[in-house]
Amino acid sequence: MQKLIAVLAVAFTVFAAQARDPYDVHPFQISIFPPIQIFEEEVHITGLKLNLLYGYNTAVSGFDFGVLSGAGDFEGIQLNLANYVQEEARGLRLSLINLSDDTEGIEIAPINYASVGAEGLRIGVINVAAESKGLQIGLVNYTRHMRGIQIGLINVIAESKISFLPI
């Protein structure tokens, strides 16, 4: 175990020393939690992002795996206990909770929340989005505007002629 910690410490030191340009794009990121990660938060990751506890980068494209993940923008596959994207998330997102402003693609989690909009397939216990396009499957589905279908025990489209409709 001590050898593994020593190897990780050397890797963090070597790679962190190389990450001085905040607009660089790198093929991988390993993070314990910011600022203890190979590259700074502002660096764009295109490839693999591994979050041992929590990782954050302003832009991530590729595969994002670990415990807690944060990103400004994300495109690809996220598989974490919790996924948080500040702005746009595109792709497949699997976790216990998916949070974002806008999301496009497939989200599978007990809780899916998009503060602005969601487009695609959302499967969860609770699905919430300001605007929705596509299919929501859950016990509770809530949106203000909907272009698509809600399947669940409680389905709410707040700004609709029929705002509440159980399945």
Foldseek 3Di string as FASTA:
>chain_A
DVVVVVVLVVQLVVQQVVADDLAAEEAEKEAQEPPSINHHQSYEYEHEYEHQDEDHHAHYEYEYDYAEYEYQEYEYEYHYQEYEHAEEYEDEYEHQEYEYQEYEYEYEHQYYEHAAEYEEEYEHQEYEHQEYEEEYEHQEYEYCYYHYDYAHQWYANNPDPDGIDGD
